[in-house]
Amino acid sequence: MGFQNMSINMRLKGTKTQSILEYAALILIVSLAMGVMVVYLQRAVSVRMRHMAQELNETNR
């Protein structure tokens, strides 16, 4: 009887550890995706601003 309780506790502990690792992996993936999006948006805004500046400089000539 004692071995069964120990086995159940070990399985529950393993399940909890797996859940923590899964959440950590999810947080890592979401963080990386957000980082990539920030870089993408910064570049897009930078290009748009450069194009607008070029258009304004052309109209002033």
PDB file of N, CA and C in Angstrom:
ATOM      1  N   MET A   1       0.825  -1.193   0.000  1.00  0.00           N
ATOM      2  CA  MET A   1       0.000   0.000   0.000  1.00  0.00           C
ATOM      3  C   MET A   1       0.866   1.253   0.000  1.00  0.00           C
ATOM      4  N   GLY A   2       1.955   1.237   0.719  1.00  0.00           N
ATOM      5  CA  GLY A   2       2.839   2.383   0.795  1.00  0.00           C
ATOM      6  C   GLY A   2       3.485   2.680  -0.542  1.00  0.00           C
ATOM      7  N   PHE A   3       3.799   1.637  -1.312  1.00  0.00           N
ATOM      8  CA  PHE A   3       4.440   1.845  -2.613  1.00  0.00           C
ATOM      9  C   PHE A   3       3.479   2.499  -3.598  1.00  0.00           C
ATOM     10  N   GLN A   4       2.196   2.162  -3.490  1.00  0.00           N
ATOM     11  CA  GLN A   4       1.223   2.767  -4.398  1.00  0.00           C
ATOM     12  C   GLN A   4       1.106   4.273  -4.152  1.00  0.00           C
ATOM     13  N   ASN A   5       1.081   4.686  -2.898  1.00  0.00           N
ATOM     14  CA  ASN A   5       0.998   6.108  -2.575  1.00  0.00           C
ATOM     15  C   ASN A   5       2.238   6.840  -3.070  1.00  0.00           C
ATOM     16  N   MET A   6       3.405   6.222  -2.933  1.00  0.00           N
ATOM     17  CA  MET A   6       4.637   6.842  -3.382  1.00  0.00           C
ATOM     18  C   MET A   6       4.626   6.970  -4.905  1.00  0.00           C
ATOM     19  N   SER A   7       4.125   5.952  -5.572  1.00  0.00           N
ATOM     20  CA  SER A   7       4.070   5.979  -7.030  1.00  0.00           C
ATOM     21  C   SER A   7       3.131   7.080  -7.518  1.00  0.00           C
ATOM     22  N   ILE A   8       1.993   7.234  -6.862  1.00  0.00           N
ATOM     23  CA  ILE A   8       1.037   8.283  -7.239  1.00  0.00           C
ATOM     24  C   ILE A   8       1.660   9.660  -7.012  1.00  0.00           C
ATOM     25  N   ASN A   9       2.341   9.842  -5.883  1.00  0.00           N
ATOM     26  CA  ASN A   9       2.985  11.125  -5.598  1.00  0.00           C
ATOM     27  C   ASN A   9       4.063  11.442  -6.632  1.00  0.00           C
ATOM     28  N   MET A  10       4.817  10.447  -7.061  1.00  0.00           N
ATOM     29  CA  MET A  10       5.864  10.662  -8.053  1.00  0.00           C
ATOM     30  C   MET A  10       5.248  11.049  -9.400  1.00  0.00           C
ATOM     31  N   ARG A  11       4.142  10.397  -9.747  1.00  0.00           N
ATOM     32  CA  ARG A  11       3.472  10.731 -11.004  1.00  0.00           C
ATOM     33  C   ARG A  11       2.914  12.150 -10.963  1.00  0.00           C
ATOM     34  N   LEU A  12       2.311  12.538  -9.836  1.00  0.00           N
ATOM     35  CA  LEU A  12       1.773  13.886  -9.704  1.00  0.00           C
ATOM     36  C   LEU A  12       2.891  14.926  -9.754  1.00  0.00           C
ATOM     37  N   LYS A  13       4.011  14.626  -9.126  1.00  0.00           N
ATOM     38  CA  LYS A  13       5.145  15.545  -9.143  1.00  0.00           C
ATOM     39  C   LYS A  13       5.691  15.682 -10.565  1.00  0.00           C
ATOM     40  N   GLY A  14       5.771  14.571 -11.290  1.00  0.00           N
ATOM     41  CA  GLY A  14       6.236  14.603 -12.675  1.00  0.00           C
ATOM     42  C   GLY A  14       5.294  15.386 -13.561  1.00  0.00           C
ATOM     43  N   THR A  15       4.002  15.249 -13.337  1.00  0.00           N
ATOM     44  CA  THR A  15       3.003  15.979 -14.114  1.00  0.00           C
ATOM     45  C   THR A  15       3.106  17.475 -13.847  1.00  0.00           C
ATOM     46  N   LYS A  16       3.322  17.839 -12.576  1.00  0.00           N
ATOM     47  CA  LYS A  16       3.456  19.248 -12.222  1.00  0.00           C
ATOM     48  C   LYS A  16       4.709  19.843 -12.871  1.00  0.00           C
ATOM     49  N   THR A  17       5.796  19.085 -12.842  1.00  0.00           N
ATOM     50  CA  THR A  17       7.038  19.546 -13.461  1.00  0.00           C
ATOM     51  C   THR A  17       6.850  19.721 -14.957  1.00  0.00           C
ATOM     52  N   GLN A  18       6.170  18.782 -15.589  1.00  0.00           N
ATOM     53  CA  GLN A  18       5.925  18.878 -17.027  1.00  0.00           C
ATOM     54  C   GLN A  18       5.081  20.111 -17.336  1.00  0.00           C
ATOM     55  N   SER A  19       4.074  20.386 -16.521  1.00  0.00           N
ATOM     56  CA  SER A  19       3.228  21.556 -16.740  1.00  0.00           C
ATOM     57  C   SER A  19       4.042  22.842 -16.631  1.00  0.00           C
ATOM     58  N   ILE A  20       4.924  22.903 -15.645  1.00  0.00           N
ATOM     59  CA  ILE A  20       5.761  24.093 -15.475  1.00  0.00           C
ATOM     60  C   ILE A  20       6.660  24.272 -16.686  1.00  0.00           C
ATOM     61  N   LEU A  21       7.251  23.190 -17.163  1.00  0.00           N
ATOM     62  CA  LEU A  21       8.115  23.269 -18.343  1.00  0.00           C
ATOM     63  C   LEU A  21       7.328  23.680 -19.583  1.00  0.00           C
ATOM     64  N   GLU A  22       6.105  23.196 -19.708  1.00  0.00           N
ATOM     65  CA  GLU A  22       5.278  23.574 -20.856  1.00  0.00           C
ATOM     66  C   GLU A  22       4.933  25.056 -20.814  1.00  0.00           C
ATOM     67  N   TYR A  23       4.598  25.571 -19.635  1.00  0.00           N
ATOM     68  CA  TYR A  23       4.316  27.001 -19.508  1.00  0.00           C
ATOM     69  C   TYR A  23       5.562  27.829 -19.800  1.00  0.00           C
ATOM     70  N   ALA A  24       6.711  27.382 -19.329  1.00  0.00           N
ATOM     71  CA  ALA A  24       7.963  28.103 -19.585  1.00  0.00           C
ATOM     72  C   ALA A  24       8.248  28.139 -21.090  1.00  0.00           C
ATOM     73  N   ALA A  25       8.035  27.021 -21.767  1.00  0.00           N
ATOM     74  CA  ALA A  25       8.254  26.970 -23.216  1.00  0.00           C
ATOM     75  C   ALA A  25       7.269  27.889 -23.931  1.00  0.00           C
ATOM     76  N   LEU A  26       6.033  27.907 -23.501  1.00  0.00           N
ATOM     77  CA  LEU A  26       5.024  28.780 -24.104  1.00  0.00           C
ATOM     78  C   LEU A  26       5.388  30.248 -23.928  1.00  0.00           C
ATOM     79  N   ILE A  27       5.809  30.610 -22.723  1.00  0.00           N
ATOM     80  CA  ILE A  27       6.208  31.995 -22.456  1.00  0.00           C
ATOM     81  C   ILE A  27       7.404  32.370 -23.317  1.00  0.00           C
ATOM     82  N   LEU A  28       8.365  31.465 -23.472  1.00  0.00           N
ATOM     83  CA  LEU A  28       9.541  31.725 -24.294  1.00  0.00           C
ATOM     84  C   LEU A  28       9.146  31.945 -25.755  1.00  0.00           C
ATOM     85  N   ILE A  29       8.280  31.097 -26.279  1.00  0.00           N
ATOM     86  CA  ILE A  29       7.857  31.208 -27.674  1.00  0.00           C
ATOM     87  C   ILE A  29       7.094  32.507 -27.910  1.00  0.00           C
ATOM     88  N   VAL A  30       6.191  32.852 -27.003  1.00  0.00           N
ATOM     89  CA  VAL A  30       5.425  34.096 -27.144  1.00  0.00           C
ATOM     90  C   VAL A  30       6.349  35.306 -27.059  1.00  0.00           C
ATOM     91  N   SER A  31       7.318  35.266 -26.138  1.00  0.00           N
ATOM     92  CA  SER A  31       8.264  36.375 -26.003  1.00  0.00           C
ATOM     93  C   SER A  31       9.096  36.543 -27.267  1.00  0.00           C
ATOM     94  N   LEU A  32       9.572  35.445 -27.821  1.00  0.00           N
ATOM     95  CA  LEU A  32      10.350  35.528 -29.059  1.00  0.00           C
ATOM     96  C   LEU A  32       9.509  36.066 -30.210  1.00  0.00           C
ATOM     97  N   ALA A  33       8.272  35.612 -30.302  1.00  0.00           N
ATOM     98  CA  ALA A  33       7.389  36.084 -31.369  1.00  0.00           C
ATOM     99  C   ALA A  33       7.142  37.585 -31.237  1.00  0.00           C
ATOM    100  N   MET A  34       6.936  38.062 -30.010  1.00  0.00           N
ATOM    101  CA  MET A  34       6.714  39.492 -29.805  1.00  0.00           C
ATOM    102  C   MET A  34       7.972  40.291 -30.139  1.00  0.00           C
ATOM    103  N   GLY A  35       9.136  39.758 -29.811  1.00  0.00           N
ATOM    104  CA  GLY A  35      10.385  40.426 -30.153  1.00  0.00           C
ATOM    105  C   GLY A  35      10.563  40.559 -31.653  1.00  0.00           C
ATOM    106  N   VAL A  36      10.243  39.505 -32.381  1.00  0.00           N
ATOM    107  CA  VAL A  36      10.337  39.547 -33.840  1.00  0.00           C
ATOM    108  C   VAL A  36       9.347  40.560 -34.404  1.00  0.00           C
ATOM    109  N   MET A  37       8.155  40.604 -33.847  1.00  0.00           N
ATOM    110  CA  MET A  37       7.151  41.562 -34.313  1.00  0.00           C
ATOM    111  C   MET A  37       7.599  43.002 -34.079  1.00  0.00           C
ATOM    112  N   VAL A  38       8.221  43.265 -32.940  1.00  0.00           N
ATOM    113  CA  VAL A  38       8.693  44.619 -32.640  1.00  0.00           C
ATOM    114  C   VAL A  38       9.735  45.044 -33.664  1.00  0.00           C
ATOM    115  N   VAL A  39      10.691  44.162 -33.963  1.00  0.00           N
ATOM    116  CA  VAL A  39      11.714  44.480 -34.954  1.00  0.00           C
ATOM    117  C   VAL A  39      11.068  44.738 -36.314  1.00  0.00           C
ATOM    118  N   TYR A  40      10.139  43.887 -36.702  1.00  0.00           N
ATOM    119  CA  TYR A  40       9.443  44.045 -37.990  1.00  0.00           C
ATOM    120  C   TYR A  40       8.721  45.386 -38.058  1.00  0.00           C
ATOM    121  N   LEU A  41       8.002  45.736 -37.008  1.00  0.00           N
ATOM    122  CA  LEU A  41       7.259  46.989 -37.000  1.00  0.00           C
ATOM    123  C   LEU A  41       8.195  48.199 -37.003  1.00  0.00           C
ATOM    124  N   GLN A  42       9.308  48.120 -36.274  1.00  0.00           N
ATOM    125  CA  GLN A  42      10.261  49.226 -36.268  1.00  0.00           C
ATOM    126  C   GLN A  42      10.827  49.461 -37.663  1.00  0.00           C
ATOM    127  N   ARG A  43      11.160  48.399 -38.342  1.00  0.00           N
ATOM    128  CA  ARG A  43      11.692  48.542 -39.697  1.00  0.00           C
ATOM    129  C   ARG A  43      10.632  49.089 -40.649  1.00  0.00           C
ATOM    130  N   ALA A  44       9.412  48.620 -40.518  1.00  0.00           N
ATOM    131  CA  ALA A  44       8.337  49.094 -41.392  1.00  0.00           C
ATOM    132  C   ALA A  44       8.089  50.578 -41.184  1.00  0.00           C
ATOM    133  N   VAL A  45       8.064  51.031 -39.940  1.00  0.00           N
ATOM    134  CA  VAL A  45       7.846  52.450 -39.656  1.00  0.00           C
ATOM    135  C   VAL A  45       9.022  53.271 -40.168  1.00  0.00           C
ATOM    136  N   SER A  46      10.231  52.760 -39.987  1.00  0.00           N
ATOM    137  CA  SER A  46      11.418  53.469 -40.450  1.00  0.00           C
ATOM    138  C   SER A  46      11.394  53.664 -41.968  1.00  0.00           C
ATOM    139  N   VAL A  47      11.040  52.626 -42.684  1.00  0.00           N
ATOM    140  CA  VAL A  47      10.968  52.723 -44.148  1.00  0.00           C
ATOM    141  C   VAL A  47       9.875  53.698 -44.556  1.00  0.00           C
ATOM    142  N   ARG A  48       8.746  53.637 -43.900  1.00  0.00           N
ATOM    143  CA  ARG A  48       7.637  54.547 -44.231  1.00  0.00           C
ATOM    144  C   ARG A  48       8.042  56.001 -43.997  1.00  0.00           C
ATOM    145  N   MET A  49       8.721  56.256 -42.885  1.00  0.00           N
ATOM    146  CA  MET A  49       9.174  57.611 -42.588  1.00  0.00           C
ATOM    147  C   MET A  49      10.198  58.082 -43.624  1.00  0.00           C
ATOM    148  N   ARG A  50      11.094  57.212 -44.025  1.00  0.00           N
ATOM    149  CA  ARG A  50      12.092  57.565 -45.030  1.00  0.00           C
ATOM    150  C   ARG A  50      11.419  57.908 -46.357  1.00  0.00           C
ATOM    151  N   HIS A  51      10.415  57.121 -46.746  1.00  0.00           N
ATOM    152  CA  HIS A  51       9.689  57.392 -47.991  1.00  0.00           C
ATOM    153  C   HIS A  51       8.934  58.718 -47.916  1.00  0.00           C
ATOM    154  N   MET A  52       8.345  58.988 -46.774  1.00  0.00           N
ATOM    155  CA  MET A  52       7.627  60.258 -46.614  1.00  0.00           C
ATOM    156  C   MET A  52       8.605  61.430 -46.698  1.00  0.00           C
ATOM    157  N   ALA A  53       9.776  61.303 -46.094  1.00  0.00           N
ATOM    158  CA  ALA A  53      10.778  62.367 -46.146  1.00  0.00           C
ATOM    159  C   ALA A  53      11.253  62.587 -47.574  1.00  0.00           C
ATOM    160  N   GLN A  54      11.439  61.511 -48.315  1.00  0.00           N
ATOM    161  CA  GLN A  54      11.857  61.638 -49.719  1.00  0.00           C
ATOM    162  C   GLN A  54      10.783  62.338 -50.546  1.00  0.00           C
ATOM    163  N   GLU A  55       9.534  61.987 -50.308  1.00  0.00           N
ATOM    164  CA  GLU A  55       8.437  62.629 -51.043  1.00  0.00           C
ATOM    165  C   GLU A  55       8.366  64.106 -50.725  1.00  0.00           C
ATOM    166  N   LEU A  56       8.539  64.469 -49.460  1.00  0.00           N
ATOM    167  CA  LEU A  56       8.508  65.886 -49.096  1.00  0.00           C
ATOM    168  C   LEU A  56       9.679  66.640 -49.695  1.00  0.00           C
ATOM    169  N   ASN A  57      10.839  66.030 -49.734  1.00  0.00           N
ATOM    170  CA  ASN A  57      12.005  66.690 -50.323  1.00  0.00           C
ATOM    171  C   ASN A  57      11.823  66.869 -51.830  1.00  0.00           C
ATOM    172  N   GLU A  58      11.174  65.949 -52.484  1.00  0.00           N
ATOM    173  CA  GLU A  58      10.955  66.060 -53.934  1.00  0.00           C
ATOM    174  C   GLU A  58       9.958  67.180 -54.258  1.00  0.00           C
ATOM    175  N   THR A  59       8.960  67.357 -53.408  1.00  0.00           N
ATOM    176  CA  THR A  59       7.966  68.392 -53.680  1.00  0.00           C
ATOM    177  C   THR A  59       8.505  69.784 -53.398  1.00  0.00           C
ATOM    178  N   ASN A  60       9.531  69.912 -52.555  1.00  0.00           N
ATOM    179  CA  ASN A  60      10.117  71.205 -52.243  1.00  0.00           C
ATOM    180  C   ASN A  60      11.065  71.700 -53.330  1.00  0.00           C
ATOM    181  N   ARG A  61      11.473  70.851 -54.212  1.00  0.00           N
ATOM    182  CA  ARG A  61      12.433  71.242 -55.255  1.00  0.00           C
ATOM    183  C   ARG A  61      11.799  72.061 -56.336  1.00  0.00           C
TER     184      ARG A  61
END
